[in-house]
Amino acid sequence: MSRSGLNRELTALQGELLIDIPRMGEICRDMLRRSLKSYIEEDTALAWTLIEDEKIIDALYNQVFRELIAYMMETPGPSTRLSACFWPQVTWSGLPTT
């Protein structure tokens, strides 16, 4: 599947399923900022605060993953191309990291 085809399909789903992805991006952007700051300033207390946000990101990812799987099961055919969204999150064993 081409990137533009996947983008069209994701855009079509955006209103229905993918509302948490922008929120995940905002949290990750803030986590990156804080992690760099904690490294530069050698602030271990700030570094430890990232753990809770990581748990939030994991929960949001799992929710989006479940929603996409449910959507693909309900609308077979072209929607199965969305499985390409899961490849970055596959472990060495080949199983999703849920």
PDB file of N, CA and C in Angstrom:
ATOM      1  N   MET A   1       0.847  -1.170   0.000  1.00  0.00           N
ATOM      2  CA  MET A   1       0.000   0.000   0.000  1.00  0.00           C
ATOM      3  C   MET A   1       0.892   1.233   0.000  1.00  0.00           C
ATOM      4  N   SER A   2       0.516   2.183  -0.791  1.00  0.00           N
ATOM      5  CA  SER A   2       1.300   3.418  -0.833  1.00  0.00           C
ATOM      6  C   SER A   2       1.027   4.251   0.410  1.00  0.00           C
ATOM      7  N   ARG A   3       1.964   5.129   0.692  1.00  0.00           N
ATOM      8  CA  ARG A   3       1.800   6.014   1.848  1.00  0.00           C
ATOM      9  C   ARG A   3       0.565   6.898   1.674  1.00  0.00           C
ATOM     10  N   SER A   4       0.324   7.382   0.468  1.00  0.00           N
ATOM     11  CA  SER A   4      -0.841   8.251   0.251  1.00  0.00           C
ATOM     12  C   SER A   4      -2.139   7.476   0.433  1.00  0.00           C
ATOM     13  N   GLY A   5      -2.157   6.191   0.017  1.00  0.00           N
ATOM     14  CA  GLY A   5      -3.357   5.375   0.223  1.00  0.00           C
ATOM     15  C   GLY A   5      -3.637   5.151   1.694  1.00  0.00           C
ATOM     16  N   LEU A   6      -2.584   4.870   2.439  1.00  0.00           N
ATOM     17  CA  LEU A   6      -2.741   4.691   3.874  1.00  0.00           C
ATOM     18  C   LEU A   6      -3.181   5.994   4.525  1.00  0.00           C
ATOM     19  N   ASN A   7      -2.609   7.106   4.101  1.00  0.00           N
ATOM     20  CA  ASN A   7      -3.007   8.407   4.653  1.00  0.00           C
ATOM     21  C   ASN A   7      -4.478   8.694   4.388  1.00  0.00           C
ATOM     22  N   ARG A   8      -4.964   8.353   3.190  1.00  0.00           N
ATOM     23  CA  ARG A   8      -6.393   8.566   2.884  1.00  0.00           C
ATOM     24  C   ARG A   8      -7.266   7.726   3.801  1.00  0.00           C
ATOM     25  N   GLU A   9      -6.872   6.485   3.999  1.00  0.00           N
ATOM     26  CA  GLU A   9      -7.663   5.604   4.856  1.00  0.00           C
ATOM     27  C   GLU A   9      -7.644   6.076   6.303  1.00  0.00           C
ATOM     28  N   LEU A  10      -6.491   6.492   6.780  1.00  0.00           N
ATOM     29  CA  LEU A  10      -6.398   7.001   8.142  1.00  0.00           C
ATOM     30  C   LEU A  10      -7.197   8.283   8.303  1.00  0.00           C
ATOM     31  N   THR A  11      -7.188   9.137   7.282  1.00  0.00           N
ATOM     32  CA  THR A  11      -7.967  10.377   7.338  1.00  0.00           C
ATOM     33  C   THR A  11      -9.452  10.065   7.437  1.00  0.00           C
ATOM     34  N   ALA A  12      -9.897   9.053   6.707  1.00  0.00           N
ATOM     35  CA  ALA A  12     -11.308   8.664   6.768  1.00  0.00           C
ATOM     36  C   ALA A  12     -11.688   8.165   8.154  1.00  0.00           C
ATOM     37  N   LEU A  13     -10.747   7.541   8.842  1.00  0.00           N
ATOM     38  CA  LEU A  13     -11.012   7.004  10.178  1.00  0.00           C
ATOM     39  C   LEU A  13     -10.849   8.034  11.279  1.00  0.00           C
ATOM     40  N   GLN A  14     -10.216   9.134  10.968  1.00  0.00           N
ATOM     41  CA  GLN A  14      -9.810  10.082  11.996  1.00  0.00           C
ATOM     42  C   GLN A  14     -10.957  10.497  12.903  1.00  0.00           C
ATOM     43  N   GLY A  15     -12.096  10.807  12.335  1.00  0.00           N
ATOM     44  CA  GLY A  15     -13.225  11.230  13.153  1.00  0.00           C
ATOM     45  C   GLY A  15     -13.790  10.120  14.002  1.00  0.00           C
ATOM     46  N   GLU A  16     -13.636   8.887  13.550  1.00  0.00           N
ATOM     47  CA  GLU A  16     -14.227   7.756  14.255  1.00  0.00           C
ATOM     48  C   GLU A  16     -13.321   7.172  15.329  1.00  0.00           C
ATOM     49  N   LEU A  17     -12.074   6.907  14.993  1.00  0.00           N
ATOM     50  CA  LEU A  17     -11.245   6.087  15.852  1.00  0.00           C
ATOM     51  C   LEU A  17      -9.983   6.754  16.373  1.00  0.00           C
ATOM     52  N   LEU A  18      -9.382   7.574  15.583  1.00  0.00           N
ATOM     53  CA  LEU A  18      -8.008   7.978  15.855  1.00  0.00           C
ATOM     54  C   LEU A  18      -7.886   9.288  16.620  1.00  0.00           C
ATOM     55  N   ILE A  19      -8.842   9.585  17.466  1.00  0.00           N
ATOM     56  CA  ILE A  19      -8.807  10.855  18.188  1.00  0.00           C
ATOM     57  C   ILE A  19      -7.699  10.890  19.236  1.00  0.00           C
ATOM     58  N   ASP A  20      -7.217   9.729  19.664  1.00  0.00           N
ATOM     59  CA  ASP A  20      -6.178   9.702  20.694  1.00  0.00           C
ATOM     60  C   ASP A  20      -4.772   9.887  20.137  1.00  0.00           C
ATOM     61  N   ILE A  21      -4.574   9.727  18.847  1.00  0.00           N
ATOM     62  CA  ILE A  21      -3.232   9.831  18.282  1.00  0.00           C
ATOM     63  C   ILE A  21      -2.658  11.244  18.425  1.00  0.00           C
ATOM     64  N   PRO A  22      -3.404  12.313  18.131  1.00  0.00           N
ATOM     65  CA  PRO A  22      -2.832  13.649  18.380  1.00  0.00           C
ATOM     66  C   PRO A  22      -2.496  13.871  19.851  1.00  0.00           C
ATOM     67  N   ARG A  23      -3.318  13.348  20.747  1.00  0.00           N
ATOM     68  CA  ARG A  23      -3.040  13.464  22.183  1.00  0.00           C
ATOM     69  C   ARG A  23      -1.742  12.724  22.526  1.00  0.00           C
ATOM     70  N   MET A  24      -1.548  11.553  21.934  1.00  0.00           N
ATOM     71  CA  MET A  24      -0.317  10.807  22.152  1.00  0.00           C
ATOM     72  C   MET A  24       0.889  11.609  21.670  1.00  0.00           C
ATOM     73  N   GLY A  25       0.735  12.272  20.523  1.00  0.00           N
ATOM     74  CA  GLY A  25       1.822  13.091  19.993  1.00  0.00           C
ATOM     75  C   GLY A  25       2.189  14.236  20.919  1.00  0.00           C
ATOM     76  N   GLU A  26       1.174  14.884  21.478  1.00  0.00           N
ATOM     77  CA  GLU A  26       1.431  15.992  22.403  1.00  0.00           C
ATOM     78  C   GLU A  26       2.158  15.499  23.657  1.00  0.00           C
ATOM     79  N   ILE A  27       1.717  14.367  24.184  1.00  0.00           N
ATOM     80  CA  ILE A  27       2.363  13.817  25.378  1.00  0.00           C
ATOM     81  C   ILE A  27       3.804  13.434  25.066  1.00  0.00           C
ATOM     82  N   CYS A  28       4.019  12.787  23.922  1.00  0.00           N
ATOM     83  CA  CYS A  28       5.379  12.370  23.548  1.00  0.00           C
ATOM     84  C   CYS A  28       6.293  13.571  23.320  1.00  0.00           C
ATOM     85  N   ARG A  29       5.754  14.613  22.704  1.00  0.00           N
ATOM     86  CA  ARG A  29       6.548  15.829  22.488  1.00  0.00           C
ATOM     87  C   ARG A  29       6.984  16.417  23.828  1.00  0.00           C
ATOM     88  N   ASP A  30       6.066  16.453  24.778  1.00  0.00           N
ATOM     89  CA  ASP A  30       6.386  16.970  26.106  1.00  0.00           C
ATOM     90  C   ASP A  30       7.375  16.055  26.822  1.00  0.00           C
ATOM     91  N   MET A  31       7.214  14.746  26.656  1.00  0.00           N
ATOM     92  CA  MET A  31       8.144  13.798  27.270  1.00  0.00           C
ATOM     93  C   MET A  31       9.558  13.985  26.715  1.00  0.00           C
ATOM     94  N   LEU A  32       9.660  14.190  25.420  1.00  0.00           N
ATOM     95  CA  LEU A  32      10.972  14.405  24.815  1.00  0.00           C
ATOM     96  C   LEU A  32      11.615  15.677  25.357  1.00  0.00           C
ATOM     97  N   ARG A  33      10.829  16.739  25.445  1.00  0.00           N
ATOM     98  CA  ARG A  33      11.346  17.998  25.987  1.00  0.00           C
ATOM     99  C   ARG A  33      11.847  17.808  27.413  1.00  0.00           C
ATOM    100  N   ARG A  34      11.037  17.142  28.239  1.00  0.00           N
ATOM    101  CA  ARG A  34      11.430  16.931  29.636  1.00  0.00           C
ATOM    102  C   ARG A  34      12.603  15.968  29.776  1.00  0.00           C
ATOM    103  N   SER A  35      12.664  14.960  28.904  1.00  0.00           N
ATOM    104  CA  SER A  35      13.782  14.022  29.008  1.00  0.00           C
ATOM    105  C   SER A  35      15.096  14.701  28.638  1.00  0.00           C
ATOM    106  N   LEU A  36      15.075  15.545  27.616  1.00  0.00           N
ATOM    107  CA  LEU A  36      16.292  16.284  27.261  1.00  0.00           C
ATOM    108  C   LEU A  36      16.692  17.250  28.371  1.00  0.00           C
ATOM    109  N   LYS A  37      15.691  17.914  28.926  1.00  0.00           N
ATOM    110  CA  LYS A  37      15.971  18.851  30.013  1.00  0.00           C
ATOM    111  C   LYS A  37      16.556  18.116  31.222  1.00  0.00           C
ATOM    112  N   SER A  38      15.973  16.956  31.547  1.00  0.00           N
ATOM    113  CA  SER A  38      16.481  16.213  32.706  1.00  0.00           C
ATOM    114  C   SER A  38      17.896  15.716  32.462  1.00  0.00           C
ATOM    115  N   TYR A  39      18.213  15.369  31.231  1.00  0.00           N
ATOM    116  CA  TYR A  39      19.563  14.914  30.908  1.00  0.00           C
ATOM    117  C   TYR A  39      20.565  16.068  30.999  1.00  0.00           C
ATOM    118  N   ILE A  40      20.216  17.188  30.395  1.00  0.00           N
ATOM    119  CA  ILE A  40      21.116  18.345  30.391  1.00  0.00           C
ATOM    120  C   ILE A  40      21.350  18.865  31.800  1.00  0.00           C
ATOM    121  N   GLU A  41      20.281  18.935  32.586  1.00  0.00           N
ATOM    122  CA  GLU A  41      20.378  19.479  33.942  1.00  0.00           C
ATOM    123  C   GLU A  41      20.688  18.404  34.987  1.00  0.00           C
ATOM    124  N   GLU A  42      20.849  17.162  34.542  1.00  0.00           N
ATOM    125  CA  GLU A  42      21.102  16.032  35.449  1.00  0.00           C
ATOM    126  C   GLU A  42      20.069  15.975  36.572  1.00  0.00           C
ATOM    127  N   ASP A  43      18.825  16.129  36.179  1.00  0.00           N
ATOM    128  CA  ASP A  43      17.700  16.168  37.109  1.00  0.00           C
ATOM    129  C   ASP A  43      16.999  14.809  37.116  1.00  0.00           C
ATOM    130  N   THR A  44      17.387  13.953  38.040  1.00  0.00           N
ATOM    131  CA  THR A  44      16.805  12.611  38.077  1.00  0.00           C
ATOM    132  C   THR A  44      15.336  12.630  38.492  1.00  0.00           C
ATOM    133  N   ALA A  45      14.959  13.580  39.314  1.00  0.00           N
ATOM    134  CA  ALA A  45      13.550  13.668  39.720  1.00  0.00           C
ATOM    135  C   ALA A  45      12.663  13.936  38.504  1.00  0.00           C
ATOM    136  N   LEU A  46      13.114  14.819  37.631  1.00  0.00           N
ATOM    137  CA  LEU A  46      12.344  15.099  36.410  1.00  0.00           C
ATOM    138  C   LEU A  46      12.314  13.864  35.512  1.00  0.00           C
ATOM    139  N   ALA A  47      13.422  13.163  35.428  1.00  0.00           N
ATOM    140  CA  ALA A  47      13.462  11.948  34.607  1.00  0.00           C
ATOM    141  C   ALA A  47      12.454  10.914  35.108  1.00  0.00           C
ATOM    142  N   TRP A  48      12.340  10.784  36.404  1.00  0.00           N
ATOM    143  CA  TRP A  48      11.398   9.809  36.958  1.00  0.00           C
ATOM    144  C   TRP A  48       9.948  10.150  36.647  1.00  0.00           C
ATOM    145  N   THR A  49       9.640  11.424  36.415  1.00  0.00           N
ATOM    146  CA  THR A  49       8.254  11.803  36.102  1.00  0.00           C
ATOM    147  C   THR A  49       7.816  11.267  34.742  1.00  0.00           C
ATOM    148  N   LEU A  50       8.756  10.896  33.912  1.00  0.00           N
ATOM    149  CA  LEU A  50       8.420  10.386  32.583  1.00  0.00           C
ATOM    150  C   LEU A  50       7.749   9.019  32.635  1.00  0.00           C
ATOM    151  N   ILE A  51       7.959   8.300  33.708  1.00  0.00           N
ATOM    152  CA  ILE A  51       7.406   6.948  33.815  1.00  0.00           C
ATOM    153  C   ILE A  51       5.888   6.962  33.763  1.00  0.00           C
ATOM    154  N   GLU A  52       5.269   7.877  34.474  1.00  0.00           N
ATOM    155  CA  GLU A  52       3.804   7.936  34.468  1.00  0.00           C
ATOM    156  C   GLU A  52       3.269   8.269  33.083  1.00  0.00           C
ATOM    157  N   ASP A  53       3.930   9.187  32.389  1.00  0.00           N
ATOM    158  CA  ASP A  53       3.493   9.522  31.037  1.00  0.00           C
ATOM    159  C   ASP A  53       3.682   8.344  30.090  1.00  0.00           C
ATOM    160  N   GLU A  54       4.715   7.561  30.302  1.00  0.00           N
ATOM    161  CA  GLU A  54       4.926   6.365  29.483  1.00  0.00           C
ATOM    162  C   GLU A  54       3.777   5.381  29.665  1.00  0.00           C
ATOM    163  N   LYS A  55       3.287   5.273  30.887  1.00  0.00           N
ATOM    164  CA  LYS A  55       2.135   4.398  31.148  1.00  0.00           C
ATOM    165  C   LYS A  55       0.894   4.912  30.423  1.00  0.00           C
ATOM    166  N   ILE A  56       0.721   6.226  30.384  1.00  0.00           N
ATOM    167  CA  ILE A  56      -0.413   6.823  29.673  1.00  0.00           C
ATOM    168  C   ILE A  56      -0.302   6.534  28.180  1.00  0.00           C
ATOM    169  N   ILE A  57       0.904   6.714  27.619  1.00  0.00           N
ATOM    170  CA  ILE A  57       1.120   6.444  26.198  1.00  0.00           C
ATOM    171  C   ILE A  57       0.837   4.976  25.890  1.00  0.00           C
ATOM    172  N   ASP A  58       1.308   4.079  26.728  1.00  0.00           N
ATOM    173  CA  ASP A  58       1.060   2.655  26.521  1.00  0.00           C
ATOM    174  C   ASP A  58      -0.435   2.351  26.520  1.00  0.00           C
ATOM    175  N   ALA A  59      -1.156   2.940  27.456  1.00  0.00           N
ATOM    176  CA  ALA A  59      -2.599   2.706  27.530  1.00  0.00           C
ATOM    177  C   ALA A  59      -3.311   3.265  26.298  1.00  0.00           C
ATOM    178  N   LEU A  60      -2.919   4.459  25.858  1.00  0.00           N
ATOM    179  CA  LEU A  60      -3.532   5.034  24.661  1.00  0.00           C
ATOM    180  C   LEU A  60      -3.214   4.202  23.420  1.00  0.00           C
ATOM    181  N   TYR A  61      -1.972   3.741  23.305  1.00  0.00           N
ATOM    182  CA  TYR A  61      -1.609   2.894  22.169  1.00  0.00           C
ATOM    183  C   TYR A  61      -2.465   1.629  22.154  1.00  0.00           C
ATOM    184  N   ASN A  62      -2.595   0.986  23.305  1.00  0.00           N
ATOM    185  CA  ASN A  62      -3.392  -0.234  23.381  1.00  0.00           C
ATOM    186  C   ASN A  62      -4.843   0.025  23.010  1.00  0.00           C
ATOM    187  N   GLN A  63      -5.371   1.175  23.419  1.00  0.00           N
ATOM    188  CA  GLN A  63      -6.744   1.523  23.080  1.00  0.00           C
ATOM    189  C   GLN A  63      -6.894   1.717  21.571  1.00  0.00           C
ATOM    190  N   VAL A  64      -5.986   2.464  20.956  1.00  0.00           N
ATOM    191  CA  VAL A  64      -6.036   2.677  19.507  1.00  0.00           C
ATOM    192  C   VAL A  64      -5.872   1.346  18.781  1.00  0.00           C
ATOM    193  N   PHE A  65      -4.960   0.507  19.252  1.00  0.00           N
ATOM    194  CA  PHE A  65      -4.738  -0.805  18.656  1.00  0.00           C
ATOM    195  C   PHE A  65      -6.028  -1.622  18.667  1.00  0.00           C
ATOM    196  N   ARG A  66      -6.686  -1.695  19.817  1.00  0.00           N
ATOM    197  CA  ARG A  66      -7.938  -2.450  19.929  1.00  0.00           C
ATOM    198  C   ARG A  66      -9.019  -1.869  19.028  1.00  0.00           C
ATOM    199  N   GLU A  67      -9.117  -0.536  18.966  1.00  0.00           N
ATOM    200  CA  GLU A  67     -10.128   0.097  18.119  1.00  0.00           C
ATOM    201  C   GLU A  67      -9.891  -0.207  16.635  1.00  0.00           C
ATOM    202  N   LEU A  68      -8.638  -0.180  16.207  1.00  0.00           N
ATOM    203  CA  LEU A  68      -8.335  -0.479  14.811  1.00  0.00           C
ATOM    204  C   LEU A  68      -8.613  -1.943  14.489  1.00  0.00           C
ATOM    205  N   ILE A  69      -8.262  -2.838  15.394  1.00  0.00           N
ATOM    206  CA  ILE A  69      -8.561  -4.261  15.174  1.00  0.00           C
ATOM    207  C   ILE A  69     -10.065  -4.466  15.061  1.00  0.00           C
ATOM    208  N   ALA A  70     -10.830  -3.868  15.961  1.00  0.00           N
ATOM    209  CA  ALA A  70     -12.287  -4.006  15.922  1.00  0.00           C
ATOM    210  C   ALA A  70     -12.837  -3.437  14.617  1.00  0.00           C
ATOM    211  N   TYR A  71     -12.327  -2.289  14.187  1.00  0.00           N
ATOM    212  CA  TYR A  71     -12.776  -1.682  12.939  1.00  0.00           C
ATOM    213  C   TYR A  71     -12.477  -2.600  11.755  1.00  0.00           C
ATOM    214  N   MET A  72     -11.278  -3.173  11.741  1.00  0.00           N
ATOM    215  CA  MET A  72     -10.891  -4.047  10.636  1.00  0.00           C
ATOM    216  C   MET A  72     -11.744  -5.307  10.614  1.00  0.00           C
ATOM    217  N   MET A  73     -12.147  -5.796  11.772  1.00  0.00           N
ATOM    218  CA  MET A  73     -13.005  -6.985  11.822  1.00  0.00           C
ATOM    219  C   MET A  73     -14.408  -6.665  11.342  1.00  0.00           C
ATOM    220  N   GLU A  74     -14.883  -5.453  11.636  1.00  0.00           N
ATOM    221  CA  GLU A  74     -16.229  -5.050  11.230  1.00  0.00           C
ATOM    222  C   GLU A  74     -16.308  -4.701   9.752  1.00  0.00           C
ATOM    223  N   THR A  75     -15.224  -4.198   9.191  1.00  0.00           N
ATOM    224  CA  THR A  75     -15.219  -3.761   7.793  1.00  0.00           C
ATOM    225  C   THR A  75     -14.056  -4.426   7.060  1.00  0.00           C
ATOM    226  N   PRO A  76     -14.213  -5.703   6.715  1.00  0.00           N
ATOM    227  CA  PRO A  76     -13.127  -6.392   6.035  1.00  0.00           C
ATOM    228  C   PRO A  76     -12.913  -5.829   4.629  1.00  0.00           C
ATOM    229  N   GLY A  77     -11.820  -6.204   4.051  1.00  0.00           N
ATOM    230  CA  GLY A  77     -11.497  -5.730   2.705  1.00  0.00           C
ATOM    231  C   GLY A  77     -10.432  -4.676   2.772  1.00  0.00           C
ATOM    232  N   PRO A  78     -10.724  -3.493   2.221  1.00  0.00           N
ATOM    233  CA  PRO A  78      -9.693  -2.457   2.178  1.00  0.00           C
ATOM    234  C   PRO A  78      -9.172  -2.055   3.552  1.00  0.00           C
ATOM    235  N   SER A  79      -9.988  -2.186   4.587  1.00  0.00           N
ATOM    236  CA  SER A  79      -9.545  -1.740   5.907  1.00  0.00           C
ATOM    237  C   SER A  79      -8.412  -2.599   6.457  1.00  0.00           C
ATOM    238  N   THR A  80      -8.222  -3.799   5.930  1.00  0.00           N
ATOM    239  CA  THR A  80      -7.144  -4.631   6.429  1.00  0.00           C
ATOM    240  C   THR A  80      -5.776  -4.040   6.104  1.00  0.00           C
ATOM    241  N   ARG A  81      -5.721  -3.098   5.181  1.00  0.00           N
ATOM    242  CA  ARG A  81      -4.455  -2.423   4.895  1.00  0.00           C
ATOM    243  C   ARG A  81      -3.973  -1.640   6.109  1.00  0.00           C
ATOM    244  N   LEU A  82      -4.858  -1.355   7.023  1.00  0.00           N
ATOM    245  CA  LEU A  82      -4.461  -0.629   8.233  1.00  0.00           C
ATOM    246  C   LEU A  82      -3.506  -1.438   9.098  1.00  0.00           C
ATOM    247  N   SER A  83      -3.405  -2.720   8.818  1.00  0.00           N
ATOM    248  CA  SER A  83      -2.469  -3.527   9.600  1.00  0.00           C
ATOM    249  C   SER A  83      -1.044  -3.002   9.455  1.00  0.00           C
ATOM    250  N   ALA A  84      -0.771  -2.233   8.409  1.00  0.00           N
ATOM    251  CA  ALA A  84       0.551  -1.620   8.245  1.00  0.00           C
ATOM    252  C   ALA A  84       0.856  -0.665   9.400  1.00  0.00           C
ATOM    253  N   CYS A  85      -0.162  -0.167  10.062  1.00  0.00           N
ATOM    254  CA  CYS A  85       0.033   0.736  11.203  1.00  0.00           C
ATOM    255  C   CYS A  85       0.660  -0.001  12.386  1.00  0.00           C
ATOM    256  N   PHE A  86       0.517  -1.310  12.421  1.00  0.00           N
ATOM    257  CA  PHE A  86       0.977  -2.068  13.570  1.00  0.00           C
ATOM    258  C   PHE A  86       2.427  -2.499  13.454  1.00  0.00           C
ATOM    259  N   TRP A  87       2.992  -2.495  12.278  1.00  0.00           N
ATOM    260  CA  TRP A  87       4.349  -3.013  12.108  1.00  0.00           C
ATOM    261  C   TRP A  87       5.394  -2.322  12.969  1.00  0.00           C
ATOM    262  N   PRO A  88       5.347  -1.024  13.170  1.00  0.00           N
ATOM    263  CA  PRO A  88       6.383  -0.428  14.033  1.00  0.00           C
ATOM    264  C   PRO A  88       6.332  -0.931  15.469  1.00  0.00           C
ATOM    265  N   GLN A  89       5.213  -1.481  15.887  1.00  0.00           N
ATOM    266  CA  GLN A  89       5.056  -1.910  17.271  1.00  0.00           C
ATOM    267  C   GLN A  89       5.143  -3.418  17.430  1.00  0.00           C
ATOM    268  N   VAL A  90       5.816  -4.098  16.518  1.00  0.00           N
ATOM    269  CA  VAL A  90       5.940  -5.549  16.604  1.00  0.00           C
ATOM    270  C   VAL A  90       7.272  -5.894  17.264  1.00  0.00           C
ATOM    271  N   THR A  91       7.231  -6.836  18.188  1.00  0.00           N
ATOM    272  CA  THR A  91       8.447  -7.248  18.877  1.00  0.00           C
ATOM    273  C   THR A  91       9.196  -8.273  18.035  1.00  0.00           C
ATOM    274  N   TRP A  92      10.361  -8.673  18.491  1.00  0.00           N
ATOM    275  CA  TRP A  92      11.146  -9.670  17.764  1.00  0.00           C
ATOM    276  C   TRP A  92      10.404 -10.982  17.640  1.00  0.00           C
ATOM    277  N   SER A  93       9.528 -11.293  18.577  1.00  0.00           N
ATOM    278  CA  SER A  93       8.782 -12.545  18.505  1.00  0.00           C
ATOM    279  C   SER A  93       7.666 -12.469  17.482  1.00  0.00           C
ATOM    280  N   GLY A  94       7.400 -11.272  16.944  1.00  0.00           N
ATOM    281  CA  GLY A  94       6.366 -11.116  15.946  1.00  0.00           C
ATOM    282  C   GLY A  94       5.004 -10.814  16.511  1.00  0.00           C
ATOM    283  N   LEU A  95       4.917 -10.607  17.814  1.00  0.00           N
ATOM    284  CA  LEU A  95       3.633 -10.306  18.449  1.00  0.00           C
ATOM    285  C   LEU A  95       3.563  -8.823  18.797  1.00  0.00           C
ATOM    286  N   PRO A  96       2.374  -8.226  18.656  1.00  0.00           N
ATOM    287  CA  PRO A  96       2.234  -6.816  19.045  1.00  0.00           C
ATOM    288  C   PRO A  96       2.577  -6.627  20.513  1.00  0.00           C
ATOM    289  N   THR A  97       3.127  -5.484  20.836  1.00  0.00           N
ATOM    290  CA  THR A  97       3.516  -5.185  22.217  1.00  0.00           C
ATOM    291  C   THR A  97       2.341  -4.586  22.960  1.00  0.00           C
ATOM    292  N   THR A  98       1.398  -5.428  23.355  1.00  0.00           N
ATOM    293  CA  THR A  98       0.222  -4.941  24.077  1.00  0.00           C
ATOM    294  C   THR A  98       0.281  -5.339  25.504  1.00  0.00           C
TER     295      THR A  98
END
